[in-house]
Each structure stands twice: as structure tokens, then as C-alpha cells.
Amino acid sequence: MPKQKTHKGLTKRIKVTKTGKVRFFSPNSRHLKSNKRGVTVQTYRKGRFARDGDMKMYGKLLNRGLLSQQQHAVRKESPAAAAASAD
């Protein structure tokens, strides 16, 4: 039976943090910045976290369980409620 492989293109573009959140940098931020507004270029410098809607797709491509920023915040607020919702 073939092995489950991670999506190498995705692993090069994201970083999974210790808590399981997915961190990435904005696309279109590498070059050709002269025709973009200064505010736009400044927002490219910030790292971003993946949202709930993308987490299912990322989990399938990486073959592991992941948390979005909202899910992490809920677990951090009330660990008992998160454990109950996970079951």
C-alpha cells in the first residue's frame, strides 16, 4: 500500500507552530513592489495565521491535525470546554 505523503509545496510556504497553528506570509510580497502603495507593502511584512475555513484543506494536505487561530483562542480561554467539544 502506498505511503501518505505531505504536500511539499505547502510545507515550503507555511510553518506549523508548536501549538498546531498554521503561520504563513502574504503572497505577492516578494518583488515588484514599486507599483504598490506603501501601506500595502507594510502589510506584507506581517505574518498571518490560517483561518477556520482553510484548516480542513491544510490538514488533508499535511496529513495531520491542525488548529486555526480562532480554535486556539477558544482552547486557551476554557480548556474544559475545548476538551468537551473535542469528544
N, C-alpha and C. Protein backbone atom coordinates (compact mmCIF):
# COMPACT_ATOMS: atom_id res chain seq x y z
N MET A 1 0.84 -1.17 0.00
CA MET A 1 0.00 0.00 0.00
C MET A 1 0.89 1.24 0.00
N PRO A 2 0.55 2.28 -0.81
CA PRO A 2 1.41 3.47 -0.88
C PRO A 2 1.37 4.29 0.41
N LYS A 3 2.45 5.02 0.63
CA LYS A 3 2.56 5.84 1.83
C LYS A 3 1.80 7.15 1.65
N GLN A 4 1.37 7.72 2.77
CA GLN A 4 0.76 9.05 2.76
C GLN A 4 1.89 10.08 2.72
N LYS A 5 1.88 10.95 1.74
CA LYS A 5 2.94 11.94 1.61
C LYS A 5 2.39 13.34 1.85
N THR A 6 3.20 14.18 2.46
CA THR A 6 2.81 15.56 2.66
C THR A 6 2.96 16.33 1.37
N HIS A 7 2.23 17.41 1.25
CA HIS A 7 2.29 18.26 0.07
C HIS A 7 3.50 19.18 0.21
N LYS A 8 4.54 18.93 -0.55
CA LYS A 8 5.81 19.64 -0.39
C LYS A 8 5.70 21.12 -0.71
N GLY A 9 4.85 21.48 -1.65
CA GLY A 9 4.67 22.90 -1.97
C GLY A 9 4.08 23.67 -0.81
N LEU A 10 3.16 23.04 -0.09
CA LEU A 10 2.55 23.69 1.06
C LEU A 10 3.52 23.77 2.23
N THR A 11 4.32 22.74 2.43
CA THR A 11 5.26 22.75 3.55
C THR A 11 6.33 23.82 3.37
N LYS A 12 6.63 24.21 2.14
CA LYS A 12 7.61 25.26 1.90
C LYS A 12 7.03 26.65 2.15
N ARG A 13 5.71 26.78 2.14
CA ARG A 13 5.07 28.08 2.26
C ARG A 13 4.51 28.38 3.64
N ILE A 14 4.38 27.38 4.49
CA ILE A 14 3.79 27.59 5.81
C ILE A 14 4.71 27.06 6.90
N LYS A 15 4.40 27.45 8.13
CA LYS A 15 5.09 26.90 9.28
C LYS A 15 4.01 26.51 10.29
N VAL A 16 4.09 25.30 10.80
CA VAL A 16 3.16 24.85 11.82
C VAL A 16 3.82 25.11 13.16
N THR A 17 3.16 25.90 14.01
CA THR A 17 3.73 26.26 15.30
C THR A 17 3.62 25.10 16.28
N LYS A 18 4.20 25.28 17.44
CA LYS A 18 4.20 24.24 18.46
C LYS A 18 2.78 23.88 18.90
N THR A 19 1.91 24.86 18.93
CA THR A 19 0.52 24.63 19.36
C THR A 19 -0.35 24.10 18.23
N GLY A 20 0.17 24.02 17.01
CA GLY A 20 -0.59 23.47 15.89
C GLY A 20 -1.21 24.51 14.99
N LYS A 21 -0.92 25.79 15.22
CA LYS A 21 -1.44 26.83 14.35
C LYS A 21 -0.61 26.89 13.07
N VAL A 22 -1.23 27.35 11.99
CA VAL A 22 -0.54 27.45 10.71
C VAL A 22 -0.20 28.92 10.46
N ARG A 23 1.08 29.21 10.33
CA ARG A 23 1.55 30.57 10.10
C ARG A 23 2.11 30.65 8.68
N PHE A 24 1.81 31.77 8.00
CA PHE A 24 2.30 31.96 6.64
C PHE A 24 2.47 33.45 6.38
N PHE A 25 3.16 33.77 5.32
CA PHE A 25 3.32 35.15 4.92
C PHE A 25 2.49 35.41 3.67
N SER A 26 2.12 36.65 3.52
CA SER A 26 1.20 37.03 2.45
C SER A 26 1.81 36.80 1.08
N PRO A 27 1.01 36.32 0.12
CA PRO A 27 1.52 36.19 -1.24
C PRO A 27 1.69 37.56 -1.90
N ASN A 28 2.36 37.61 -3.02
CA ASN A 28 2.63 38.83 -3.79
C ASN A 28 3.53 39.80 -3.04
N SER A 29 4.34 39.33 -2.12
CA SER A 29 5.15 40.23 -1.30
C SER A 29 6.63 40.14 -1.60
N ARG A 30 7.04 39.37 -2.60
CA ARG A 30 8.46 39.13 -2.82
C ARG A 30 9.13 40.21 -3.68
N HIS A 31 8.50 40.58 -4.78
CA HIS A 31 9.14 41.54 -5.68
C HIS A 31 8.05 42.34 -6.38
N LEU A 32 8.43 43.23 -7.28
CA LEU A 32 7.53 44.14 -7.99
C LEU A 32 6.73 44.99 -7.01
N LYS A 33 7.42 45.61 -6.08
CA LYS A 33 6.76 46.43 -5.06
C LYS A 33 6.66 47.89 -5.45
N SER A 34 7.33 48.30 -6.53
CA SER A 34 7.37 49.72 -6.88
C SER A 34 6.01 50.24 -7.33
N ASN A 35 5.14 49.38 -7.83
CA ASN A 35 3.83 49.83 -8.29
C ASN A 35 2.75 49.61 -7.23
N LYS A 36 3.15 49.25 -6.00
CA LYS A 36 2.18 49.03 -4.93
C LYS A 36 2.26 50.18 -3.94
N ARG A 37 1.16 50.45 -3.25
CA ARG A 37 1.12 51.52 -2.26
C ARG A 37 1.99 51.13 -1.06
N GLY A 38 2.48 52.13 -0.34
CA GLY A 38 3.34 51.89 0.81
C GLY A 38 2.62 51.12 1.91
N VAL A 39 1.34 51.40 2.11
CA VAL A 39 0.56 50.70 3.14
C VAL A 39 0.43 49.22 2.77
N THR A 40 0.27 48.95 1.50
CA THR A 40 0.17 47.56 1.05
C THR A 40 1.47 46.82 1.30
N VAL A 41 2.58 47.46 1.01
CA VAL A 41 3.88 46.83 1.23
C VAL A 41 4.11 46.59 2.72
N GLN A 42 3.67 47.52 3.57
CA GLN A 42 3.82 47.35 5.01
C GLN A 42 3.02 46.17 5.52
N THR A 43 1.83 45.95 4.98
CA THR A 43 1.01 44.83 5.44
C THR A 43 1.59 43.49 5.00
N TYR A 44 2.38 43.48 3.94
CA TYR A 44 3.02 42.25 3.50
C TYR A 44 4.05 41.74 4.51
N ARG A 45 4.61 42.63 5.34
CA ARG A 45 5.64 42.25 6.29
C ARG A 45 5.12 41.41 7.44
N LYS A 46 3.84 41.50 7.71
CA LYS A 46 3.27 40.79 8.85
C LYS A 46 2.99 39.33 8.50
N GLY A 47 3.32 38.46 9.44
CA GLY A 47 2.94 37.07 9.27
C GLY A 47 1.46 36.90 9.59
N ARG A 48 0.84 35.93 9.02
CA ARG A 48 -0.60 35.71 9.22
C ARG A 48 -0.83 34.29 9.69
N PHE A 49 -2.00 34.07 10.29
CA PHE A 49 -2.39 32.74 10.71
C PHE A 49 -3.58 32.29 9.87
N ALA A 50 -3.63 31.01 9.58
CA ALA A 50 -4.71 30.46 8.75
C ALA A 50 -6.03 30.50 9.52
N ARG A 51 -7.11 30.65 8.81
CA ARG A 51 -8.45 30.75 9.38
C ARG A 51 -9.14 29.39 9.39
N ASP A 52 -10.31 29.35 9.99
CA ASP A 52 -11.05 28.09 10.15
C ASP A 52 -11.36 27.42 8.82
N GLY A 53 -11.74 28.21 7.81
CA GLY A 53 -12.18 27.63 6.54
C GLY A 53 -11.09 26.88 5.80
N ASP A 54 -9.84 27.24 6.03
CA ASP A 54 -8.73 26.61 5.32
C ASP A 54 -8.14 25.41 6.05
N MET A 55 -8.46 25.25 7.32
CA MET A 55 -7.78 24.25 8.13
C MET A 55 -8.06 22.81 7.69
N LYS A 56 -9.25 22.55 7.21
CA LYS A 56 -9.58 21.18 6.76
C LYS A 56 -8.72 20.80 5.56
N MET A 57 -8.57 21.75 4.62
CA MET A 57 -7.76 21.50 3.44
C MET A 57 -6.29 21.32 3.82
N TYR A 58 -5.77 22.20 4.71
CA TYR A 58 -4.38 22.09 5.13
C TYR A 58 -4.13 20.78 5.86
N GLY A 59 -5.07 20.36 6.67
CA GLY A 59 -4.92 19.11 7.40
C GLY A 59 -4.83 17.92 6.47
N LYS A 60 -5.63 17.93 5.40
CA LYS A 60 -5.58 16.83 4.43
C LYS A 60 -4.26 16.83 3.66
N LEU A 61 -3.78 18.02 3.29
CA LEU A 61 -2.54 18.08 2.52
C LEU A 61 -1.32 17.71 3.36
N LEU A 62 -1.38 17.99 4.67
CA LEU A 62 -0.23 17.70 5.53
C LEU A 62 -0.38 16.40 6.30
N ASN A 63 -1.54 15.78 6.23
CA ASN A 63 -1.82 14.51 6.93
C ASN A 63 -1.61 14.62 8.43
N ARG A 64 -2.14 15.68 9.02
CA ARG A 64 -2.06 15.85 10.47
C ARG A 64 -3.14 16.81 10.94
N GLY A 65 -3.43 16.79 12.23
CA GLY A 65 -4.42 17.68 12.80
C GLY A 65 -3.84 19.06 13.05
N LEU A 66 -4.60 20.09 12.74
CA LEU A 66 -4.12 21.46 12.89
C LEU A 66 -5.18 22.30 13.59
N LEU A 67 -4.77 23.44 14.13
CA LEU A 67 -5.67 24.38 14.78
C LEU A 67 -5.62 25.72 14.04
N SER A 68 -6.77 26.37 13.92
CA SER A 68 -6.78 27.73 13.41
C SER A 68 -6.57 28.68 14.57
N GLN A 69 -6.41 29.96 14.26
CA GLN A 69 -6.19 30.94 15.32
C GLN A 69 -7.41 31.04 16.22
N GLN A 70 -8.62 30.95 15.65
CA GLN A 70 -9.84 31.02 16.46
C GLN A 70 -9.96 29.80 17.36
N GLN A 71 -9.68 28.62 16.84
CA GLN A 71 -9.76 27.41 17.65
C GLN A 71 -8.76 27.44 18.79
N HIS A 72 -7.57 27.97 18.52
CA HIS A 72 -6.55 28.07 19.55
C HIS A 72 -7.00 29.02 20.66
N ALA A 73 -7.63 30.14 20.28
CA ALA A 73 -8.11 31.11 21.27
C ALA A 73 -9.19 30.50 22.16
N VAL A 74 -10.07 29.69 21.56
CA VAL A 74 -11.13 29.05 22.34
C VAL A 74 -10.53 28.06 23.33
N ARG A 75 -9.56 27.29 22.89
CA ARG A 75 -8.92 26.32 23.79
C ARG A 75 -8.14 27.00 24.90
N LYS A 76 -7.55 28.15 24.58
CA LYS A 76 -6.78 28.87 25.58
C LYS A 76 -7.68 29.47 26.65
N GLU A 77 -8.87 29.94 26.25
CA GLU A 77 -9.82 30.55 27.19
C GLU A 77 -10.36 29.52 28.18
N SER A 78 -10.86 28.43 27.63
CA SER A 78 -11.51 27.43 28.50
C SER A 78 -11.08 26.03 28.09
N PRO A 79 -10.05 25.49 28.70
CA PRO A 79 -9.58 24.15 28.34
C PRO A 79 -10.63 23.06 28.59
N ALA A 80 -11.49 23.24 29.59
CA ALA A 80 -12.51 22.24 29.87
C ALA A 80 -13.55 22.20 28.75
N ALA A 81 -13.94 23.37 28.25
CA ALA A 81 -14.94 23.42 27.18
C ALA A 81 -14.35 22.86 25.88
N ALA A 82 -13.08 23.11 25.63
CA ALA A 82 -12.45 22.60 24.42
C ALA A 82 -12.34 21.09 24.45
N ALA A 83 -12.06 20.54 25.63
CA ALA A 83 -11.97 19.09 25.76
C ALA A 83 -13.33 18.43 25.56
N ALA A 84 -14.37 19.10 26.02
CA ALA A 84 -15.72 18.56 25.85
C ALA A 84 -16.15 18.62 24.38
N SER A 85 -15.75 19.71 23.67
CA SER A 85 -16.15 19.81 22.26
C SER A 85 -15.34 18.87 21.38
N ALA A 86 -14.13 18.51 21.81
CA ALA A 86 -13.30 17.58 21.03
C ALA A 86 -13.84 16.16 21.08
N ASP A 87 -14.54 15.80 22.14
CA ASP A 87 -15.08 14.45 22.28
C ASP A 87 -16.32 14.29 21.51
